[in-house]
Amino acid sequence: MTAQKGRDLLLKLDSTGAGVFVTVAGLRSHTLSFNAETVDATSQESAGAWRELLAGAGLKSASLRGQGIFKDAATDLTMRSYFFAGTIVDWQVVIPNFGIVQGPFQITALDFGAKHDGEVTFDLALASAGLLTFTAI
């Protein structure tokens, strides 16, 4: 994978449930993290007392963070309403020249900040809430 412009990594939201994804406006940075817990299957009979892991038994999860500015009232309203209602909806992360990660996420943190001489900013944290898919592009 060659170097890509950061602005091409997009966070998209299906706010209607119809499978139509709209880019979340105003994001300046994004982070997508995948996690896989392990299940320790070590016993007294483990060779050389080395830890053994049980393949395919751990819990998988993903987390997503985005920081930016609200560019329109609709994005602001959508994020706030989903956060306060605990709504789980489908999101997409488009990774340029790599693929699209898609699935249900819940907003777990929504922070607002501002300097007296600057714009209002937000930090958004999402946690996976079901099966995620990956489609290569």
N, C-alpha and C. Protein backbone atom coordinates (compact mmCIF):
# COMPACT_ATOMS: atom_id res chain seq x y z
N MET A 1 0.85 -1.17 0.00
CA MET A 1 0.00 0.00 0.00
C MET A 1 0.89 1.23 0.00
N THR A 2 0.72 2.08 -0.98
CA THR A 2 1.50 3.30 -1.06
C THR A 2 0.88 4.38 -0.19
N ALA A 3 1.62 5.46 0.01
CA ALA A 3 1.13 6.57 0.83
C ALA A 3 -0.18 7.11 0.28
N GLN A 4 -1.09 7.45 1.18
CA GLN A 4 -2.40 7.97 0.80
C GLN A 4 -2.66 9.27 1.54
N LYS A 5 -3.49 10.13 0.96
CA LYS A 5 -3.89 11.36 1.62
C LYS A 5 -4.84 11.02 2.77
N GLY A 6 -4.57 11.58 3.94
CA GLY A 6 -5.41 11.33 5.10
C GLY A 6 -6.85 11.73 4.90
N ARG A 7 -7.09 12.76 4.12
CA ARG A 7 -8.47 13.22 3.92
C ARG A 7 -9.29 12.22 3.10
N ASP A 8 -8.64 11.23 2.48
CA ASP A 8 -9.36 10.23 1.71
C ASP A 8 -9.90 9.10 2.58
N LEU A 9 -9.45 9.02 3.85
CA LEU A 9 -10.03 8.04 4.77
C LEU A 9 -11.34 8.65 5.27
N LEU A 10 -12.44 8.00 4.99
CA LEU A 10 -13.75 8.57 5.26
C LEU A 10 -14.53 7.75 6.29
N LEU A 11 -15.26 8.46 7.13
CA LEU A 11 -16.19 7.84 8.06
C LEU A 11 -17.59 8.17 7.56
N LYS A 12 -18.38 7.12 7.31
CA LYS A 12 -19.72 7.31 6.74
C LYS A 12 -20.75 6.67 7.64
N LEU A 13 -21.95 7.23 7.61
CA LEU A 13 -23.05 6.83 8.48
C LEU A 13 -24.29 6.55 7.65
N ASP A 14 -24.99 5.45 7.99
CA ASP A 14 -26.28 5.14 7.38
C ASP A 14 -27.36 5.64 8.34
N SER A 15 -27.72 6.91 8.24
CA SER A 15 -28.65 7.52 9.20
C SER A 15 -30.10 7.15 8.95
N THR A 16 -30.42 6.57 7.80
CA THR A 16 -31.81 6.22 7.50
C THR A 16 -32.09 4.73 7.63
N GLY A 17 -31.04 3.91 7.69
CA GLY A 17 -31.22 2.47 7.73
C GLY A 17 -31.49 1.86 6.37
N ALA A 18 -31.37 2.66 5.32
CA ALA A 18 -31.67 2.19 3.96
C ALA A 18 -30.42 1.74 3.21
N GLY A 19 -29.28 1.72 3.87
CA GLY A 19 -28.05 1.30 3.20
C GLY A 19 -27.38 2.39 2.39
N VAL A 20 -27.82 3.63 2.58
CA VAL A 20 -27.21 4.77 1.90
C VAL A 20 -26.30 5.48 2.91
N PHE A 21 -25.01 5.48 2.64
CA PHE A 21 -24.03 6.02 3.58
C PHE A 21 -23.62 7.43 3.18
N VAL A 22 -23.62 8.32 4.17
CA VAL A 22 -23.27 9.72 3.97
C VAL A 22 -22.03 10.02 4.81
N THR A 23 -21.06 10.72 4.23
CA THR A 23 -19.84 11.07 4.93
C THR A 23 -20.14 12.00 6.09
N VAL A 24 -19.57 11.69 7.27
CA VAL A 24 -19.71 12.56 8.43
C VAL A 24 -18.88 13.80 8.17
N ALA A 25 -19.54 14.93 8.11
CA ALA A 25 -18.90 16.18 7.72
C ALA A 25 -17.94 16.69 8.79
N GLY A 26 -16.86 17.31 8.35
CA GLY A 26 -15.98 18.05 9.23
C GLY A 26 -14.90 17.26 9.94
N LEU A 27 -14.77 15.96 9.69
CA LEU A 27 -13.75 15.19 10.38
C LEU A 27 -12.36 15.57 9.88
N ARG A 28 -11.45 15.74 10.81
CA ARG A 28 -10.08 16.09 10.47
C ARG A 28 -9.12 14.94 10.72
N SER A 29 -9.51 14.04 11.62
CA SER A 29 -8.66 12.86 11.85
C SER A 29 -9.54 11.68 12.23
N HIS A 30 -9.06 10.47 11.94
CA HIS A 30 -9.80 9.24 12.18
C HIS A 30 -8.81 8.17 12.64
N THR A 31 -9.30 7.28 13.46
CA THR A 31 -8.51 6.12 13.87
C THR A 31 -9.45 4.92 13.96
N LEU A 32 -9.06 3.81 13.33
CA LEU A 32 -9.80 2.57 13.40
C LEU A 32 -8.89 1.52 14.02
N SER A 33 -9.36 0.89 15.10
CA SER A 33 -8.57 -0.12 15.79
C SER A 33 -9.35 -1.43 15.85
N PHE A 34 -8.65 -2.53 15.57
CA PHE A 34 -9.23 -3.86 15.72
C PHE A 34 -8.57 -4.54 16.91
N ASN A 35 -9.38 -5.30 17.65
CA ASN A 35 -8.88 -6.00 18.83
C ASN A 35 -9.37 -7.44 18.81
N ALA A 36 -8.55 -8.33 19.36
CA ALA A 36 -8.95 -9.73 19.50
C ALA A 36 -8.41 -10.24 20.83
N GLU A 37 -9.32 -10.56 21.73
CA GLU A 37 -8.90 -11.13 23.00
C GLU A 37 -8.50 -12.58 22.78
N THR A 38 -7.66 -13.06 23.64
CA THR A 38 -7.21 -14.45 23.54
C THR A 38 -7.83 -15.28 24.67
N VAL A 39 -7.90 -16.58 24.45
CA VAL A 39 -8.35 -17.51 25.48
C VAL A 39 -7.17 -18.42 25.79
N ASP A 40 -6.72 -18.35 27.03
CA ASP A 40 -5.57 -19.13 27.49
C ASP A 40 -5.98 -20.58 27.71
N ALA A 41 -5.36 -21.50 26.97
CA ALA A 41 -5.66 -22.93 27.08
C ALA A 41 -4.48 -23.70 27.69
N THR A 42 -3.61 -22.98 28.39
CA THR A 42 -2.42 -23.60 28.97
C THR A 42 -2.81 -24.55 30.11
N SER A 43 -2.10 -25.67 30.17
CA SER A 43 -2.33 -26.62 31.26
C SER A 43 -0.97 -27.15 31.74
N GLN A 44 -1.00 -28.03 32.71
CA GLN A 44 0.23 -28.63 33.21
C GLN A 44 0.92 -29.44 32.13
N GLU A 45 0.19 -29.85 31.12
CA GLU A 45 0.75 -30.67 30.05
C GLU A 45 1.26 -29.84 28.87
N SER A 46 1.20 -28.52 28.95
CA SER A 46 1.66 -27.66 27.85
C SER A 46 3.17 -27.82 27.69
N ALA A 47 3.60 -28.04 26.46
CA ALA A 47 5.01 -28.29 26.16
C ALA A 47 5.90 -27.16 26.66
N GLY A 48 6.87 -27.52 27.48
CA GLY A 48 7.85 -26.55 27.99
C GLY A 48 7.24 -25.45 28.84
N ALA A 49 6.02 -25.65 29.30
CA ALA A 49 5.29 -24.67 30.11
C ALA A 49 5.03 -23.37 29.35
N TRP A 50 4.99 -23.50 28.00
CA TRP A 50 4.66 -22.35 27.17
C TRP A 50 3.16 -22.16 27.12
N ARG A 51 2.76 -20.93 27.09
CA ARG A 51 1.33 -20.61 27.01
C ARG A 51 0.77 -21.14 25.70
N GLU A 52 -0.45 -21.67 25.77
CA GLU A 52 -1.18 -22.13 24.60
C GLU A 52 -2.46 -21.31 24.49
N LEU A 53 -2.82 -20.95 23.26
CA LEU A 53 -4.04 -20.20 23.03
C LEU A 53 -5.04 -21.07 22.28
N LEU A 54 -6.30 -20.88 22.59
CA LEU A 54 -7.37 -21.60 21.93
C LEU A 54 -7.76 -20.82 20.67
N ALA A 55 -7.47 -21.40 19.51
CA ALA A 55 -7.70 -20.71 18.24
C ALA A 55 -9.17 -20.39 18.02
N GLY A 56 -9.45 -19.17 17.58
CA GLY A 56 -10.79 -18.77 17.21
C GLY A 56 -11.76 -18.58 18.36
N ALA A 57 -11.29 -18.59 19.60
CA ALA A 57 -12.20 -18.55 20.74
C ALA A 57 -12.33 -17.16 21.36
N GLY A 58 -11.48 -16.23 21.00
CA GLY A 58 -11.50 -14.90 21.63
C GLY A 58 -12.58 -13.98 21.09
N LEU A 59 -12.83 -12.94 21.85
CA LEU A 59 -13.79 -11.92 21.47
C LEU A 59 -13.14 -10.90 20.56
N LYS A 60 -13.78 -10.60 19.43
CA LYS A 60 -13.27 -9.59 18.49
C LYS A 60 -14.05 -8.30 18.68
N SER A 61 -13.37 -7.19 18.53
CA SER A 61 -14.04 -5.89 18.61
C SER A 61 -13.28 -4.87 17.78
N ALA A 62 -13.95 -3.78 17.53
CA ALA A 62 -13.31 -2.67 16.82
C ALA A 62 -13.75 -1.38 17.50
N SER A 63 -12.86 -0.41 17.46
CA SER A 63 -13.20 0.90 17.98
C SER A 63 -12.79 1.94 16.95
N LEU A 64 -13.49 3.02 16.96
CA LEU A 64 -13.28 4.04 15.97
C LEU A 64 -13.29 5.39 16.66
N ARG A 65 -12.36 6.26 16.32
CA ARG A 65 -12.33 7.62 16.87
C ARG A 65 -12.25 8.59 15.71
N GLY A 66 -12.94 9.70 15.89
CA GLY A 66 -12.86 10.77 14.91
C GLY A 66 -12.86 12.11 15.62
N GLN A 67 -12.10 13.03 15.09
CA GLN A 67 -12.05 14.37 15.64
C GLN A 67 -12.27 15.36 14.51
N GLY A 68 -12.97 16.45 14.81
CA GLY A 68 -13.18 17.44 13.77
C GLY A 68 -14.05 18.58 14.22
N ILE A 69 -14.71 19.19 13.24
CA ILE A 69 -15.62 20.30 13.49
C ILE A 69 -16.95 19.98 12.83
N PHE A 70 -18.03 20.42 13.46
CA PHE A 70 -19.34 20.26 12.84
C PHE A 70 -19.49 21.28 11.74
N LYS A 71 -19.82 20.81 10.56
CA LYS A 71 -19.95 21.70 9.41
C LYS A 71 -21.40 22.03 9.10
N ASP A 72 -22.31 21.29 9.70
CA ASP A 72 -23.73 21.58 9.47
C ASP A 72 -24.55 21.12 10.67
N ALA A 73 -25.72 21.70 10.82
CA ALA A 73 -26.58 21.40 11.96
C ALA A 73 -27.09 19.96 11.92
N ALA A 74 -27.27 19.40 10.72
CA ALA A 74 -27.79 18.04 10.60
C ALA A 74 -26.83 17.02 11.21
N THR A 75 -25.53 17.15 10.94
CA THR A 75 -24.54 16.23 11.50
C THR A 75 -24.53 16.34 13.02
N ASP A 76 -24.54 17.55 13.54
CA ASP A 76 -24.55 17.80 14.98
C ASP A 76 -25.76 17.14 15.62
N LEU A 77 -26.94 17.36 15.07
CA LEU A 77 -28.17 16.79 15.60
C LEU A 77 -28.16 15.27 15.57
N THR A 78 -27.69 14.70 14.47
CA THR A 78 -27.64 13.24 14.34
C THR A 78 -26.73 12.63 15.39
N MET A 79 -25.53 13.16 15.55
CA MET A 79 -24.58 12.62 16.53
C MET A 79 -25.13 12.72 17.95
N ARG A 80 -25.66 13.88 18.29
CA ARG A 80 -26.21 14.05 19.65
C ARG A 80 -27.37 13.11 19.90
N SER A 81 -28.29 12.99 18.95
CA SER A 81 -29.46 12.14 19.18
C SER A 81 -29.06 10.67 19.28
N TYR A 82 -28.11 10.21 18.46
CA TYR A 82 -27.65 8.82 18.54
C TYR A 82 -26.95 8.55 19.87
N PHE A 83 -26.16 9.52 20.32
CA PHE A 83 -25.45 9.33 21.59
C PHE A 83 -26.44 9.21 22.75
N PHE A 84 -27.34 10.17 22.88
CA PHE A 84 -28.25 10.20 24.03
C PHE A 84 -29.26 9.05 24.00
N ALA A 85 -29.59 8.55 22.83
CA ALA A 85 -30.52 7.43 22.73
C ALA A 85 -29.82 6.08 22.79
N GLY A 86 -28.48 6.07 22.70
CA GLY A 86 -27.75 4.80 22.68
C GLY A 86 -28.01 4.01 21.41
N THR A 87 -28.29 4.70 20.33
CA THR A 87 -28.66 4.07 19.07
C THR A 87 -27.48 3.33 18.43
N ILE A 88 -27.74 2.16 17.90
CA ILE A 88 -26.74 1.39 17.15
C ILE A 88 -27.15 1.43 15.69
N VAL A 89 -26.26 1.94 14.85
CA VAL A 89 -26.52 2.02 13.41
C VAL A 89 -25.29 1.57 12.64
N ASP A 90 -25.48 1.33 11.36
CA ASP A 90 -24.36 0.92 10.50
C ASP A 90 -23.50 2.11 10.13
N TRP A 91 -22.20 1.89 10.18
CA TRP A 91 -21.20 2.87 9.80
C TRP A 91 -20.26 2.21 8.79
N GLN A 92 -19.57 3.03 8.02
CA GLN A 92 -18.54 2.56 7.10
C GLN A 92 -17.27 3.37 7.37
N VAL A 93 -16.14 2.68 7.25
CA VAL A 93 -14.85 3.36 7.21
C VAL A 93 -14.23 3.00 5.88
N VAL A 94 -14.01 4.01 5.06
CA VAL A 94 -13.44 3.81 3.73
C VAL A 94 -11.94 4.10 3.83
N ILE A 95 -11.13 3.06 3.63
CA ILE A 95 -9.68 3.18 3.68
C ILE A 95 -9.20 3.18 2.23
N PRO A 96 -8.66 4.31 1.76
CA PRO A 96 -8.35 4.44 0.33
C PRO A 96 -7.38 3.37 -0.17
N ASN A 97 -7.69 2.84 -1.35
CA ASN A 97 -6.88 1.81 -2.01
C ASN A 97 -6.65 0.58 -1.13
N PHE A 98 -7.55 0.34 -0.19
CA PHE A 98 -7.42 -0.83 0.68
C PHE A 98 -8.76 -1.54 0.81
N GLY A 99 -9.77 -0.85 1.41
CA GLY A 99 -11.05 -1.49 1.56
C GLY A 99 -12.03 -0.70 2.39
N ILE A 100 -13.19 -1.30 2.60
CA ILE A 100 -14.27 -0.70 3.38
C ILE A 100 -14.62 -1.63 4.52
N VAL A 101 -14.60 -1.10 5.74
CA VAL A 101 -15.05 -1.82 6.92
C VAL A 101 -16.46 -1.30 7.22
N GLN A 102 -17.41 -2.22 7.38
CA GLN A 102 -18.80 -1.81 7.56
C GLN A 102 -19.46 -2.66 8.62
N GLY A 103 -20.34 -2.03 9.41
CA GLY A 103 -21.12 -2.76 10.39
C GLY A 103 -21.69 -1.86 11.46
N PRO A 104 -22.35 -2.47 12.44
CA PRO A 104 -23.00 -1.70 13.49
C PRO A 104 -22.02 -1.18 14.54
N PHE A 105 -22.19 0.08 14.89
CA PHE A 105 -21.40 0.72 15.93
C PHE A 105 -22.33 1.56 16.80
N GLN A 106 -21.90 1.78 18.04
CA GLN A 106 -22.61 2.67 18.95
C GLN A 106 -21.66 3.79 19.36
N ILE A 107 -22.16 5.01 19.43
CA ILE A 107 -21.34 6.13 19.90
C ILE A 107 -21.17 5.98 21.41
N THR A 108 -19.92 5.84 21.86
CA THR A 108 -19.64 5.64 23.28
C THR A 108 -19.09 6.89 23.95
N ALA A 109 -18.67 7.87 23.17
CA ALA A 109 -18.20 9.14 23.72
C ALA A 109 -18.41 10.22 22.68
N LEU A 110 -18.82 11.38 23.15
CA LEU A 110 -19.00 12.54 22.29
C LEU A 110 -18.56 13.75 23.10
N ASP A 111 -17.41 14.28 22.75
CA ASP A 111 -16.82 15.40 23.49
C ASP A 111 -16.84 16.65 22.62
N PHE A 112 -17.10 17.77 23.26
CA PHE A 112 -17.09 19.06 22.58
C PHE A 112 -16.01 19.93 23.22
N GLY A 113 -15.34 20.74 22.41
CA GLY A 113 -14.33 21.64 22.93
C GLY A 113 -14.23 22.87 22.06
N ALA A 114 -13.60 23.91 22.61
CA ALA A 114 -13.42 25.14 21.84
C ALA A 114 -12.41 26.03 22.54
N LYS A 115 -11.72 26.82 21.75
CA LYS A 115 -10.89 27.91 22.26
C LYS A 115 -11.67 29.19 22.05
N HIS A 116 -11.37 30.18 22.86
CA HIS A 116 -12.13 31.43 22.76
C HIS A 116 -11.98 32.10 21.40
N ASP A 117 -10.91 31.79 20.69
CA ASP A 117 -10.68 32.42 19.39
C ASP A 117 -10.73 31.42 18.24
N GLY A 118 -11.45 30.31 18.44
CA GLY A 118 -11.50 29.29 17.40
C GLY A 118 -12.87 28.66 17.28
N GLU A 119 -12.94 27.62 16.49
CA GLU A 119 -14.19 26.92 16.22
C GLU A 119 -14.48 25.87 17.30
N VAL A 120 -15.74 25.44 17.38
CA VAL A 120 -16.12 24.35 18.27
C VAL A 120 -15.70 23.05 17.61
N THR A 121 -15.06 22.19 18.37
CA THR A 121 -14.60 20.90 17.86
C THR A 121 -15.33 19.77 18.58
N PHE A 122 -15.25 18.57 18.01
CA PHE A 122 -15.83 17.40 18.67
C PHE A 122 -14.88 16.22 18.53
N ASP A 123 -14.97 15.32 19.50
CA ASP A 123 -14.31 14.02 19.46
C ASP A 123 -15.41 12.98 19.56
N LEU A 124 -15.33 11.99 18.71
CA LEU A 124 -16.35 10.96 18.60
C LEU A 124 -15.69 9.61 18.81
N ALA A 125 -16.25 8.77 19.68
CA ALA A 125 -15.74 7.41 19.87
C ALA A 125 -16.88 6.43 19.59
N LEU A 126 -16.57 5.41 18.80
CA LEU A 126 -17.54 4.39 18.44
C LEU A 126 -17.02 3.02 18.86
N ALA A 127 -17.94 2.14 19.28
CA ALA A 127 -17.59 0.76 19.62
C ALA A 127 -18.41 -0.17 18.75
N SER A 128 -17.77 -1.21 18.23
CA SER A 128 -18.48 -2.18 17.38
C SER A 128 -19.58 -2.85 18.20
N ALA A 129 -20.68 -3.16 17.52
CA ALA A 129 -21.84 -3.73 18.21
C ALA A 129 -22.40 -4.92 17.44
N GLY A 130 -21.55 -5.62 16.70
CA GLY A 130 -21.99 -6.77 15.93
C GLY A 130 -20.96 -7.13 14.88
N LEU A 131 -21.36 -7.95 13.94
CA LEU A 131 -20.49 -8.45 12.90
C LEU A 131 -20.05 -7.33 11.97
N LEU A 132 -18.74 -7.21 11.74
CA LEU A 132 -18.19 -6.25 10.79
C LEU A 132 -17.75 -7.01 9.55
N THR A 133 -17.89 -6.35 8.40
CA THR A 133 -17.43 -6.94 7.15
C THR A 133 -16.34 -6.07 6.56
N PHE A 134 -15.49 -6.70 5.75
CA PHE A 134 -14.43 -6.00 5.04
C PHE A 134 -14.59 -6.30 3.57
N THR A 135 -14.60 -5.25 2.76
CA THR A 135 -14.65 -5.38 1.31
C THR A 135 -13.44 -4.69 0.72
N ALA A 136 -12.61 -5.45 0.02
CA ALA A 136 -11.41 -4.87 -0.62
C ALA A 136 -11.83 -3.98 -1.78
N ILE A 137 -11.09 -2.88 -1.94
CA ILE A 137 -11.34 -2.00 -3.09
C ILE A 137 -10.05 -1.79 -3.86
